[in-house]
N, C-alpha and C. Protein backbone atom coordinates (compact mmCIF):
# COMPACT_ATOMS: atom_id res chain seq x y z
N UNK A 1 -26.85 -11.36 6.54
CA UNK A 1 -25.89 -11.81 5.55
C UNK A 1 -25.80 -10.78 4.42
N UNK A 2 -24.60 -10.50 3.98
CA UNK A 2 -24.39 -9.51 2.93
C UNK A 2 -24.74 -10.09 1.57
N UNK A 3 -25.24 -9.22 0.71
CA UNK A 3 -25.59 -9.63 -0.65
C UNK A 3 -24.39 -9.61 -1.59
N UNK A 4 -23.47 -8.69 -1.34
CA UNK A 4 -22.29 -8.54 -2.20
C UNK A 4 -21.06 -8.38 -1.32
N UNK A 5 -19.88 -8.64 -1.89
CA UNK A 5 -18.65 -8.40 -1.12
C UNK A 5 -18.51 -6.91 -0.80
N UNK A 6 -17.81 -6.65 0.29
CA UNK A 6 -17.65 -5.29 0.79
C UNK A 6 -16.20 -4.84 0.70
N UNK A 7 -16.01 -3.57 0.38
CA UNK A 7 -14.67 -2.99 0.33
C UNK A 7 -14.66 -1.69 1.11
N UNK A 8 -13.46 -1.28 1.50
CA UNK A 8 -13.27 0.07 1.99
C UNK A 8 -12.19 0.72 1.13
N UNK A 9 -12.31 2.01 0.97
CA UNK A 9 -11.30 2.78 0.27
C UNK A 9 -10.30 3.30 1.28
N UNK A 10 -9.07 3.47 0.84
CA UNK A 10 -8.03 3.97 1.73
C UNK A 10 -7.07 4.84 0.94
N UNK A 11 -6.81 6.02 1.47
CA UNK A 11 -5.80 6.89 0.87
C UNK A 11 -5.14 7.71 1.95
N UNK A 12 -3.94 8.16 1.65
CA UNK A 12 -3.25 9.10 2.54
C UNK A 12 -3.25 10.45 1.87
N UNK A 13 -3.79 11.43 2.54
CA UNK A 13 -3.90 12.77 1.95
C UNK A 13 -2.54 13.38 1.64
N UNK A 14 -1.52 13.06 2.43
CA UNK A 14 -0.19 13.61 2.15
C UNK A 14 0.38 13.03 0.86
N UNK A 15 -0.02 11.81 0.50
CA UNK A 15 0.45 11.19 -0.74
C UNK A 15 -0.39 11.68 -1.91
N UNK A 16 -1.71 11.74 -1.73
CA UNK A 16 -2.60 12.20 -2.80
C UNK A 16 -2.42 13.68 -3.11
N UNK A 17 -2.06 14.45 -2.10
CA UNK A 17 -1.93 15.89 -2.29
C UNK A 17 -3.25 16.50 -2.73
N UNK A 18 -3.19 17.36 -3.72
CA UNK A 18 -4.40 18.05 -4.18
C UNK A 18 -5.34 17.13 -4.95
N UNK A 19 -4.92 15.92 -5.23
CA UNK A 19 -5.75 14.96 -5.97
C UNK A 19 -6.60 14.08 -5.06
N UNK A 20 -6.60 14.33 -3.77
CA UNK A 20 -7.28 13.41 -2.87
C UNK A 20 -8.77 13.28 -3.16
N UNK A 21 -9.45 14.34 -3.55
CA UNK A 21 -10.88 14.23 -3.86
C UNK A 21 -11.09 13.38 -5.12
N UNK A 22 -10.24 13.57 -6.12
CA UNK A 22 -10.32 12.78 -7.34
C UNK A 22 -10.03 11.31 -7.04
N UNK A 23 -9.09 11.05 -6.14
CA UNK A 23 -8.80 9.68 -5.75
C UNK A 23 -10.02 9.04 -5.09
N UNK A 24 -10.74 9.80 -4.29
CA UNK A 24 -11.96 9.26 -3.66
C UNK A 24 -13.00 8.89 -4.73
N UNK A 25 -13.13 9.73 -5.75
CA UNK A 25 -14.06 9.43 -6.85
C UNK A 25 -13.64 8.15 -7.56
N UNK A 26 -12.36 8.00 -7.80
CA UNK A 26 -11.85 6.80 -8.49
C UNK A 26 -12.02 5.55 -7.64
N UNK A 27 -11.87 5.68 -6.35
CA UNK A 27 -12.11 4.55 -5.44
C UNK A 27 -13.56 4.09 -5.54
N UNK A 28 -14.48 5.04 -5.51
CA UNK A 28 -15.91 4.70 -5.63
C UNK A 28 -16.20 4.01 -6.97
N UNK A 29 -15.60 4.53 -8.04
CA UNK A 29 -15.80 3.95 -9.36
C UNK A 29 -15.26 2.53 -9.46
N UNK A 30 -14.08 2.30 -8.89
CA UNK A 30 -13.50 0.96 -8.94
C UNK A 30 -14.35 -0.01 -8.14
N UNK A 31 -14.83 0.43 -6.99
CA UNK A 31 -15.69 -0.44 -6.17
C UNK A 31 -16.94 -0.84 -6.95
N UNK A 32 -17.56 0.12 -7.59
CA UNK A 32 -18.77 -0.14 -8.37
C UNK A 32 -18.45 -1.11 -9.53
N UNK A 33 -17.37 -0.83 -10.23
CA UNK A 33 -17.00 -1.65 -11.39
C UNK A 33 -16.67 -3.09 -11.00
N UNK A 34 -16.07 -3.29 -9.83
CA UNK A 34 -15.70 -4.62 -9.37
C UNK A 34 -16.83 -5.32 -8.60
N UNK A 35 -17.96 -4.63 -8.40
CA UNK A 35 -19.11 -5.25 -7.74
C UNK A 35 -19.07 -5.23 -6.23
N UNK A 36 -18.30 -4.32 -5.65
CA UNK A 36 -18.23 -4.20 -4.19
C UNK A 36 -19.23 -3.18 -3.67
N UNK A 37 -19.74 -3.44 -2.48
CA UNK A 37 -20.41 -2.41 -1.71
C UNK A 37 -19.28 -1.66 -1.00
N UNK A 38 -19.18 -0.37 -1.25
CA UNK A 38 -18.14 0.43 -0.60
C UNK A 38 -18.66 0.90 0.75
N UNK A 39 -18.11 0.36 1.81
CA UNK A 39 -18.58 0.66 3.16
C UNK A 39 -18.13 2.04 3.63
N UNK A 40 -16.92 2.44 3.24
CA UNK A 40 -16.37 3.71 3.71
C UNK A 40 -15.09 3.98 2.95
N UNK A 41 -14.65 5.23 2.94
CA UNK A 41 -13.33 5.59 2.45
C UNK A 41 -12.61 6.31 3.57
N UNK A 42 -11.45 5.81 3.91
CA UNK A 42 -10.64 6.37 4.99
C UNK A 42 -9.56 7.23 4.37
N UNK A 43 -9.50 8.49 4.78
CA UNK A 43 -8.46 9.41 4.32
C UNK A 43 -7.55 9.71 5.50
N UNK A 44 -6.40 9.05 5.53
CA UNK A 44 -5.46 9.19 6.63
C UNK A 44 -4.56 10.40 6.42
N UNK A 45 -3.98 10.85 7.50
CA UNK A 45 -3.04 11.96 7.44
C UNK A 45 -1.64 11.48 7.15
N UNK A 46 -0.66 12.24 7.58
CA UNK A 46 0.74 11.95 7.25
C UNK A 46 1.41 11.00 8.24
N UNK A 47 0.70 10.53 9.22
CA UNK A 47 1.31 9.65 10.22
C UNK A 47 1.40 8.22 9.70
N UNK A 48 2.22 8.00 8.69
CA UNK A 48 2.30 6.72 7.98
C UNK A 48 2.58 5.55 8.91
N UNK A 49 3.38 5.75 9.93
CA UNK A 49 3.73 4.65 10.83
C UNK A 49 2.53 4.17 11.64
N UNK A 50 1.51 5.02 11.80
CA UNK A 50 0.33 4.61 12.57
C UNK A 50 -0.87 4.32 11.68
N UNK A 51 -0.85 4.75 10.43
CA UNK A 51 -2.04 4.60 9.60
C UNK A 51 -2.29 3.16 9.17
N UNK A 52 -1.26 2.38 8.88
CA UNK A 52 -1.46 0.99 8.48
C UNK A 52 -2.04 0.15 9.61
N UNK A 53 -1.53 0.24 10.84
CA UNK A 53 -2.18 -0.51 11.93
C UNK A 53 -3.66 -0.13 12.11
N UNK A 54 -3.98 1.14 11.92
CA UNK A 54 -5.38 1.56 12.02
C UNK A 54 -6.21 0.93 10.90
N UNK A 55 -5.64 0.88 9.69
CA UNK A 55 -6.34 0.25 8.57
C UNK A 55 -6.59 -1.22 8.87
N UNK A 56 -5.61 -1.92 9.41
CA UNK A 56 -5.78 -3.34 9.75
C UNK A 56 -6.91 -3.52 10.76
N UNK A 57 -7.00 -2.64 11.75
CA UNK A 57 -8.08 -2.71 12.73
C UNK A 57 -9.44 -2.54 12.05
N UNK A 58 -9.53 -1.58 11.13
CA UNK A 58 -10.78 -1.35 10.41
C UNK A 58 -11.18 -2.56 9.58
N UNK A 59 -10.23 -3.13 8.86
CA UNK A 59 -10.51 -4.28 8.01
C UNK A 59 -11.02 -5.44 8.85
N UNK A 60 -10.37 -5.68 9.98
CA UNK A 60 -10.82 -6.75 10.87
C UNK A 60 -12.21 -6.45 11.43
N UNK A 61 -12.38 -5.23 11.92
CA UNK A 61 -13.63 -4.84 12.57
C UNK A 61 -14.82 -4.80 11.62
N UNK A 62 -14.59 -4.39 10.38
CA UNK A 62 -15.67 -4.27 9.41
C UNK A 62 -15.83 -5.53 8.58
N UNK A 63 -14.88 -6.46 8.71
CA UNK A 63 -14.94 -7.73 7.98
C UNK A 63 -15.09 -7.50 6.48
N UNK A 64 -14.21 -6.68 5.91
CA UNK A 64 -14.30 -6.37 4.48
C UNK A 64 -13.54 -7.39 3.65
N UNK A 65 -13.89 -7.45 2.38
CA UNK A 65 -13.27 -8.38 1.45
C UNK A 65 -12.12 -7.76 0.67
N UNK A 66 -12.09 -6.42 0.58
CA UNK A 66 -11.05 -5.75 -0.21
C UNK A 66 -10.81 -4.34 0.30
N UNK A 67 -9.59 -3.88 0.04
CA UNK A 67 -9.22 -2.48 0.24
C UNK A 67 -8.88 -1.93 -1.14
N UNK A 68 -9.45 -0.77 -1.45
CA UNK A 68 -9.16 -0.10 -2.71
C UNK A 68 -8.37 1.16 -2.38
N UNK A 69 -7.20 1.29 -3.00
CA UNK A 69 -6.31 2.41 -2.73
C UNK A 69 -5.71 2.89 -4.06
N UNK A 70 -5.37 4.17 -4.17
CA UNK A 70 -4.81 4.64 -5.43
C UNK A 70 -3.57 3.88 -5.87
N UNK A 71 -2.64 3.66 -4.96
CA UNK A 71 -1.39 2.96 -5.29
C UNK A 71 -0.80 2.36 -4.03
N UNK A 72 0.19 1.52 -4.21
CA UNK A 72 0.85 0.93 -3.04
C UNK A 72 1.60 1.96 -2.20
N UNK A 73 1.91 3.11 -2.78
CA UNK A 73 2.58 4.17 -2.02
C UNK A 73 1.72 4.55 -0.81
N UNK A 74 0.41 4.50 -0.95
CA UNK A 74 -0.49 4.84 0.15
C UNK A 74 -0.41 3.81 1.28
N UNK A 75 0.12 2.64 0.98
CA UNK A 75 0.28 1.57 1.98
C UNK A 75 1.73 1.42 2.42
N UNK A 76 2.54 2.43 2.15
CA UNK A 76 3.94 2.38 2.55
C UNK A 76 4.88 1.95 1.44
N UNK A 77 4.37 1.74 0.23
CA UNK A 77 5.23 1.44 -0.91
C UNK A 77 5.39 -0.03 -1.24
N UNK A 78 4.83 -0.91 -0.42
CA UNK A 78 4.93 -2.33 -0.71
C UNK A 78 3.66 -3.02 -0.24
N UNK A 79 3.52 -4.28 -0.64
CA UNK A 79 2.33 -5.04 -0.24
C UNK A 79 2.45 -5.45 1.23
N UNK A 80 1.54 -4.98 2.06
CA UNK A 80 1.60 -5.37 3.47
C UNK A 80 1.03 -6.77 3.68
N UNK A 81 1.88 -7.70 4.12
CA UNK A 81 1.47 -9.09 4.33
C UNK A 81 0.30 -9.20 5.30
N UNK A 82 0.33 -8.41 6.37
CA UNK A 82 -0.76 -8.47 7.35
C UNK A 82 -2.10 -8.16 6.71
N UNK A 83 -2.13 -7.21 5.80
CA UNK A 83 -3.37 -6.84 5.13
C UNK A 83 -3.79 -7.92 4.14
N UNK A 84 -2.84 -8.47 3.41
CA UNK A 84 -3.16 -9.52 2.43
C UNK A 84 -3.65 -10.81 3.09
N UNK A 85 -3.35 -10.99 4.35
CA UNK A 85 -3.89 -12.15 5.06
C UNK A 85 -5.37 -11.98 5.36
N UNK A 86 -5.85 -10.73 5.28
CA UNK A 86 -7.24 -10.43 5.61
C UNK A 86 -8.13 -10.20 4.39
N UNK A 87 -7.58 -9.62 3.34
CA UNK A 87 -8.41 -9.24 2.19
C UNK A 87 -7.54 -8.99 0.97
N UNK A 88 -8.20 -8.79 -0.18
CA UNK A 88 -7.44 -8.44 -1.37
C UNK A 88 -7.22 -6.93 -1.39
N UNK A 89 -6.24 -6.52 -2.19
CA UNK A 89 -5.92 -5.10 -2.35
C UNK A 89 -6.06 -4.75 -3.82
N UNK A 90 -6.77 -3.67 -4.11
CA UNK A 90 -6.94 -3.19 -5.48
C UNK A 90 -6.36 -1.78 -5.59
N UNK A 91 -5.59 -1.54 -6.64
CA UNK A 91 -5.03 -0.22 -6.91
C UNK A 91 -5.44 0.22 -8.31
N UNK A 92 -5.38 1.54 -8.55
CA UNK A 92 -5.67 2.03 -9.90
C UNK A 92 -4.53 2.83 -10.49
N UNK A 93 -3.42 2.97 -9.79
CA UNK A 93 -2.23 3.65 -10.32
C UNK A 93 -0.99 2.80 -10.01
N UNK A 94 -0.71 1.75 -10.72
CA UNK A 94 -1.39 1.18 -11.88
C UNK A 94 -2.56 0.32 -11.43
N UNK A 95 -3.45 -0.01 -12.38
CA UNK A 95 -4.57 -0.88 -12.02
C UNK A 95 -4.05 -2.29 -11.79
N UNK A 96 -4.30 -2.80 -10.59
CA UNK A 96 -3.83 -4.13 -10.22
C UNK A 96 -4.70 -4.67 -9.09
N UNK A 97 -4.79 -5.98 -9.04
CA UNK A 97 -5.45 -6.67 -7.94
C UNK A 97 -4.46 -7.64 -7.34
N UNK A 98 -4.30 -7.54 -6.04
CA UNK A 98 -3.41 -8.43 -5.30
C UNK A 98 -4.29 -9.33 -4.45
N UNK A 99 -4.31 -10.60 -4.78
CA UNK A 99 -5.21 -11.56 -4.15
C UNK A 99 -4.86 -11.77 -2.68
N UNK A 100 -5.91 -11.94 -1.89
CA UNK A 100 -5.73 -12.25 -0.48
C UNK A 100 -5.02 -13.59 -0.35
N UNK A 101 -4.28 -13.73 0.70
CA UNK A 101 -3.53 -14.97 0.92
C UNK A 101 -4.32 -15.97 1.75
N UNK A 102 -5.60 -15.73 1.89
CA UNK A 102 -6.52 -16.67 2.54
C UNK A 102 -7.69 -16.86 1.59
N UNK A 103 -8.40 -17.96 1.68
CA UNK A 103 -9.54 -18.17 0.77
C UNK A 103 -10.59 -17.08 0.94
N UNK A 104 -11.09 -16.58 -0.18
CA UNK A 104 -12.13 -15.54 -0.16
C UNK A 104 -13.48 -16.20 0.06
N UNK A 105 -14.33 -15.52 0.78
CA UNK A 105 -15.68 -16.03 1.03
C UNK A 105 -16.55 -15.92 -0.20
N UNK A 106 -16.19 -15.02 -1.12
CA UNK A 106 -17.03 -14.73 -2.27
C UNK A 106 -16.48 -15.36 -3.55
N UNK A 107 -15.71 -16.40 -3.41
CA UNK A 107 -15.08 -17.04 -4.56
C UNK A 107 -16.12 -17.36 -5.63
N UNK A 108 -15.83 -16.96 -6.85
CA UNK A 108 -16.74 -17.23 -7.94
C UNK A 108 -17.84 -16.21 -8.10
N UNK A 109 -17.88 -15.20 -7.23
CA UNK A 109 -18.95 -14.20 -7.30
C UNK A 109 -18.85 -13.33 -8.53
N UNK A 110 -17.63 -12.85 -8.83
CA UNK A 110 -17.46 -11.92 -9.95
C UNK A 110 -17.48 -12.62 -11.26
C-alpha cells in the first residue's frame, strides 16, 4: 500500500523546446509541493496524435493519482476527458488543478 498519492510528469519536448529541462525541474517541484511521490516524468516527442494514448496507458498501468504537465498545450490544448476520468491534472503555466471526474482514493489527504 502506498503512503502518499503518486503522480507522473508529462511534457512534449517539441512544445517545451529548449525549456524542457526546466519544465522537468518544475514538475518535480510541483509534485513535492503538492505531496505527491513522483513516479516518473515522461518526455514525449512530436507525435502528438500518439502521445496522449500512450499517456493514458501509463496512467492506467501505474495507477497514478495525478499528471503534472507544464500546460494544457502539452495535452493537445484542451482537457482530455479520458485522462480526467482516471486522475487529476496539474499545470504550472498557468498554475491550475483540474479535478478528476471520479472519486479520488486520497480524498482529504492534502
